[in-house]
N, C-alpha and C. Protein backbone atom coordinates (compact mmCIF):
# COMPACT_ATOMS: atom_id res chain seq x y z
N MET A 1 -30.84 39.30 51.47
CA MET A 1 -31.91 40.08 50.85
C MET A 1 -33.11 39.11 51.17
N ALA A 2 -33.08 37.91 50.32
CA ALA A 2 -35.13 36.76 50.61
C ALA A 2 -35.19 36.54 52.12
N ILE A 3 -34.36 36.33 52.47
CA ILE A 3 -35.22 35.80 53.97
C ILE A 3 -36.31 37.62 54.23
N GLU A 4 -35.67 38.96 53.81
CA GLU A 4 -36.06 39.71 54.38
C GLU A 4 -37.24 40.09 52.91
N ASN A 5 -37.29 39.53 52.19
CA ASN A 5 -39.03 39.86 50.91
C ASN A 5 -39.40 38.13 51.14
N ILE A 6 -39.50 37.79 52.33
CA ILE A 6 -40.11 36.83 52.58
C ILE A 6 -41.27 37.43 53.52
N GLN A 7 -39.70 37.65 54.93
CA GLN A 7 -40.93 38.41 55.70
C GLN A 7 -41.68 39.16 55.60
N GLN A 8 -41.67 39.89 55.03
CA GLN A 8 -42.74 41.16 53.73
C GLN A 8 -43.52 40.13 53.67
N ILE A 9 -43.63 40.36 52.74
CA ILE A 9 -44.77 39.18 52.63
C ILE A 9 -45.32 38.84 53.29
N ALA A 10 -44.56 38.04 54.71
CA ALA A 10 -45.82 36.47 55.38
C ALA A 10 -46.32 37.68 56.26
N THR A 11 -45.68 39.55 56.56
CA THR A 11 -46.34 40.55 57.61
C THR A 11 -47.05 41.10 57.07
N VAL A 12 -46.75 41.49 55.03
CA VAL A 12 -48.71 42.41 54.49
C VAL A 12 -50.01 40.86 55.02
N MET A 13 -49.35 39.93 54.23
CA MET A 13 -50.88 38.36 54.11
C MET A 13 -51.23 38.39 56.02
N SER A 14 -50.49 38.38 56.79
CA SER A 14 -50.72 37.83 58.02
C SER A 14 -51.77 39.08 58.54
N SER A 15 -51.31 40.94 58.16
CA SER A 15 -52.36 41.89 58.66
C SER A 15 -52.93 42.13 57.13
N THR A 16 -53.32 41.84 56.44
CA THR A 16 -54.24 41.23 55.60
C THR A 16 -55.57 40.28 55.92
N VAL A 17 -54.76 38.60 56.74
CA VAL A 17 -55.90 38.09 56.94
C VAL A 17 -56.66 38.81 58.03
N ILE A 18 -56.03 39.40 59.47
CA ILE A 18 -57.00 39.68 59.40
C ILE A 18 -57.47 41.39 59.26
N ALA A 19 -57.04 41.76 58.44
CA ALA A 19 -58.13 43.00 57.71
C ALA A 19 -58.89 42.19 56.93
N ALA A 20 -58.83 41.07 56.62
CA ALA A 20 -60.14 40.60 56.30
C ALA A 20 -61.82 39.79 56.88
N GLY A 21 -61.34 38.99 57.83
CA GLY A 21 -61.87 39.07 59.32
C GLY A 21 -62.17 40.28 59.73
N LEU A 22 -61.55 41.20 60.20
CA LEU A 22 -62.67 42.18 60.63
C LEU A 22 -63.80 43.03 59.28
N LEU A 23 -63.96 42.50 58.61
CA LEU A 23 -63.69 43.31 57.10
C LEU A 23 -64.74 42.46 56.74
N ILE A 24 -65.71 41.33 57.35
CA ILE A 24 -65.82 40.04 56.97
C ILE A 24 -67.17 40.28 57.96
N GLY A 25 -66.19 40.09 59.56
CA GLY A 25 -67.21 40.16 61.35
C GLY A 25 -68.58 41.03 61.09
N LEU A 26 -67.10 42.22 61.02
CA LEU A 26 -67.96 43.73 61.23
C LEU A 26 -69.48 43.90 60.42
N GLY A 27 -69.02 43.87 58.84
CA GLY A 27 -70.05 43.36 57.51
C GLY A 27 -70.50 42.56 58.70
N ALA A 28 -70.55 41.71 59.19
CA ALA A 28 -72.36 41.06 59.73
C ALA A 28 -72.97 41.20 60.59
N LEU A 29 -71.96 42.55 61.57
CA LEU A 29 -72.68 41.92 62.88
C LEU A 29 -74.20 43.55 62.30
N GLY A 30 -72.77 44.41 61.35
CA GLY A 30 -73.91 46.03 61.27
C GLY A 30 -75.27 45.50 60.57
N THR A 31 -74.89 44.08 59.59
CA THR A 31 -76.08 43.76 59.13
C THR A 31 -77.36 42.48 59.99
N ALA A 32 -76.65 42.61 60.96
CA ALA A 32 -78.02 41.29 61.43
C ALA A 32 -78.27 42.34 63.21
N ILE A 33 -77.82 43.58 63.10
CA ILE A 33 -78.36 45.22 63.81
C ILE A 33 -79.44 45.90 62.05
N GLY A 34 -79.24 45.62 60.72
CA GLY A 34 -79.62 46.34 60.76
C GLY A 34 -80.49 45.47 60.35
N PHE A 35 -80.90 44.07 60.31
CA PHE A 35 -81.81 42.70 59.80
C PHE A 35 -82.93 42.98 62.11
N ALA A 36 -82.66 43.21 62.55
CA ALA A 36 -83.36 43.82 63.60
C ALA A 36 -84.02 44.82 63.72
N LEU A 37 -83.41 46.35 63.57
CA LEU A 37 -84.62 47.26 63.83
C LEU A 37 -85.17 46.91 62.50
N LEU A 38 -85.02 46.44 61.27
CA LEU A 38 -85.87 46.54 60.43
C LEU A 38 -87.50 45.49 60.60
N GLY A 39 -86.68 44.98 61.09
CA GLY A 39 -87.69 43.72 60.69
C GLY A 39 -88.84 43.90 62.59
N GLY A 40 -88.06 44.63 63.72
CA GLY A 40 -89.01 45.37 64.83
C GLY A 40 -89.68 46.84 64.18
N LYS A 41 -88.79 46.42 63.14
CA LYS A 41 -89.71 48.38 62.37
C LYS A 41 -91.15 47.66 62.06
N PHE A 42 -90.44 46.68 61.21
CA PHE A 42 -92.06 46.49 61.14
C PHE A 42 -92.85 45.43 61.10
N LEU A 43 -92.82 44.43 62.21
CA LEU A 43 -93.74 44.43 63.64
C LEU A 43 -95.32 45.58 63.61
N GLU A 44 -93.99 46.32 64.19
CA GLU A 44 -94.84 47.67 64.68
C GLU A 44 -96.20 48.25 63.82
N GLY A 45 -95.33 48.85 63.00
CA GLY A 45 -96.26 49.02 61.87
C GLY A 45 -96.87 48.56 61.04
N ALA A 46 -96.73 47.05 61.61
CA ALA A 46 -98.05 46.89 61.11
C ALA A 46 -98.92 46.15 61.89
N SER A 47 -98.33 45.98 63.34
CA SER A 47 -99.00 46.16 64.62
C SER A 47 -100.44 47.27 64.48
N ARG A 48 -99.61 48.61 64.41
CA ARG A 48 -100.08 49.64 64.12
C ARG A 48 -101.21 49.28 63.24
N GLN A 49 -101.38 49.52 61.87
CA GLN A 49 -101.35 49.10 61.48
C GLN A 49 -102.12 48.12 59.95
N PRO A 50 -102.87 47.66 60.93
CA PRO A 50 -102.78 45.20 59.16
C PRO A 50 -103.37 45.98 58.74
N GLU A 51 -103.96 46.78 58.09
CA GLU A 51 -104.28 46.91 56.59
C GLU A 51 -103.26 46.59 55.39
N LEU A 52 -101.81 47.83 56.14
CA LEU A 52 -101.22 47.86 55.57
C LEU A 52 -100.20 47.04 55.32
N ALA A 53 -100.09 46.41 55.93
CA ALA A 53 -99.13 44.81 55.69
C ALA A 53 -98.51 44.27 55.05
N PRO A 54 -99.32 43.86 54.05
CA PRO A 54 -98.51 44.02 52.62
C PRO A 54 -97.78 44.12 52.19
N MET A 55 -98.51 45.76 52.40
CA MET A 55 -96.79 47.16 51.34
C MET A 55 -96.06 47.67 51.91
N LEU A 56 -96.60 46.91 53.61
CA LEU A 56 -95.28 46.97 54.81
C LEU A 56 -94.34 45.71 54.55
N GLN A 57 -94.79 44.69 54.12
CA GLN A 57 -93.87 43.25 53.99
C GLN A 57 -93.11 43.72 52.96
N THR A 58 -93.79 43.59 51.82
CA THR A 58 -93.01 43.96 50.31
C THR A 58 -91.47 45.27 50.17
N ARG A 59 -92.52 45.90 51.39
CA ARG A 59 -91.30 47.57 50.77
C ARG A 59 -89.81 47.00 52.39
N MET A 60 -90.45 45.81 53.20
CA MET A 60 -89.20 45.60 53.93
C MET A 60 -88.12 44.17 53.43
N PHE A 61 -88.82 43.44 52.20
CA PHE A 61 -88.54 42.31 51.81
C PHE A 61 -87.24 43.36 50.70
N ILE A 62 -87.54 44.67 49.94
CA ILE A 62 -86.50 44.74 49.23
C ILE A 62 -85.63 45.20 49.71
N VAL A 63 -85.81 46.58 50.88
CA VAL A 63 -84.46 46.39 51.95
C VAL A 63 -84.22 45.61 52.21
N ALA A 64 -84.61 44.66 52.33
CA ALA A 64 -84.21 43.77 53.68
C ALA A 64 -82.23 42.98 51.72
N GLY A 65 -83.15 43.23 50.98
CA GLY A 65 -81.80 42.44 49.84
C GLY A 65 -81.19 43.55 49.78
N LEU A 66 -80.83 44.95 49.75
CA LEU A 66 -79.97 45.55 49.90
C LEU A 66 -79.26 45.45 51.19
N LEU A 67 -79.81 45.56 51.62
CA LEU A 67 -79.20 45.64 53.64
C LEU A 67 -77.92 44.21 53.55
N ASP A 68 -78.55 43.16 52.77
CA ASP A 68 -77.56 41.86 52.50
C ASP A 68 -75.97 41.76 51.03
N ALA A 69 -76.97 43.10 51.01
CA ALA A 69 -75.76 42.93 49.57
C ALA A 69 -73.79 44.15 50.20
N VAL A 70 -74.40 44.85 51.29
CA VAL A 70 -73.24 45.32 51.80
C VAL A 70 -72.97 44.24 52.44
N PRO A 71 -72.68 42.30 53.27
CA PRO A 71 -71.48 41.87 53.39
C PRO A 71 -71.72 41.39 52.70
N ILE A 72 -71.88 40.98 51.88
CA ILE A 72 -72.25 39.78 50.05
C ILE A 72 -70.07 41.36 49.77
N ILE A 73 -70.86 42.69 49.36
CA ILE A 73 -69.39 42.85 49.43
C ILE A 73 -68.89 42.48 49.91
N GLY A 74 -68.45 42.91 51.38
CA GLY A 74 -67.36 42.54 51.67
C GLY A 74 -66.49 41.53 52.32
N VAL A 75 -68.00 40.65 52.13
CA VAL A 75 -66.59 38.69 51.63
C VAL A 75 -65.82 39.38 50.67
N ALA A 76 -66.80 39.85 49.08
CA ALA A 76 -65.35 39.91 47.67
C ALA A 76 -64.39 40.79 47.60
N ILE A 77 -64.07 41.91 48.41
CA ILE A 77 -63.45 43.06 48.80
C ILE A 77 -62.29 41.99 49.81
N ALA A 78 -63.16 40.64 50.92
CA ALA A 78 -61.85 39.44 51.51
C ALA A 78 -61.05 38.82 50.87
N LEU A 79 -62.39 38.42 49.97
CA LEU A 79 -61.37 37.62 49.66
C LEU A 79 -60.44 38.05 47.78
N LEU A 80 -60.54 38.80 48.09
CA LEU A 80 -59.93 39.62 46.90
C LEU A 80 -58.70 39.67 47.24
N LEU A 81 -58.69 40.57 48.30
CA LEU A 81 -57.41 40.49 49.32
C LEU A 81 -56.71 39.91 49.68
N ILE A 82 -57.82 37.85 49.82
CA ILE A 82 -57.25 37.74 50.36
C ILE A 82 -56.02 36.04 49.60
N PHE A 83 -56.47 36.20 48.00
CA PHE A 83 -56.46 35.65 47.64
C PHE A 83 -55.49 35.99 46.45
N ALA A 84 -55.86 37.77 45.83
CA ALA A 84 -55.01 38.11 45.04
C ALA A 84 -54.57 39.46 45.19
N ASN A 85 -53.54 39.60 46.51
CA ASN A 85 -53.49 40.70 47.22
C ASN A 85 -52.54 41.99 46.49
N PRO A 86 -52.93 43.09 45.94
CA PRO A 86 -52.23 44.15 45.67
C PRO A 86 -50.83 44.76 45.45
N PHE A 87 -51.51 43.84 47.23
CA PHE A 87 -49.72 44.69 48.60
C PHE A 87 -49.38 43.83 48.18
N ILE A 88 -48.67 42.50 47.75
CA ILE A 88 -47.54 41.10 47.77
C ILE A 88 -47.07 42.16 45.58
N SER A 89 -47.08 42.04 44.70
CA SER A 89 -47.14 43.15 43.92
C SER A 89 -46.34 44.45 44.40
N GLN A 90 -46.42 44.48 45.43
CA GLN A 90 -45.74 46.27 45.76
C GLN A 90 -44.25 45.94 45.94
N LEU A 91 -44.68 44.85 47.25
CA LEU A 91 -43.00 44.20 47.68
C LEU A 91 -41.95 44.19 46.96
N SER A 92 -42.34 43.21 45.43
CA SER A 92 -41.56 42.45 44.59
C SER A 92 -40.50 43.89 43.22
N GLN A 93 -41.21 45.24 43.87
CA GLN A 93 -41.01 46.38 42.35
C GLN A 93 -39.35 47.06 43.57
């Protein structure tokens, strides 16, 4: 009985680590693509209308801050799953 419970915990933890890695990796990939598109569109807009560059730059930094929040939330959820896994408490019941 105890060995079966240890195997279940090991299975849950290994799946959790894989899920956390995917969560962080795909979040970082999506953010990198978003930053690339954002920077490209900023450069296009600034080159077409140079007098609007300061306004566009301000708005770009606001959107970049919001875009950067996505992987930070993903890392927080991944750390929650790794260190305070709610699925392991379900196994003990």
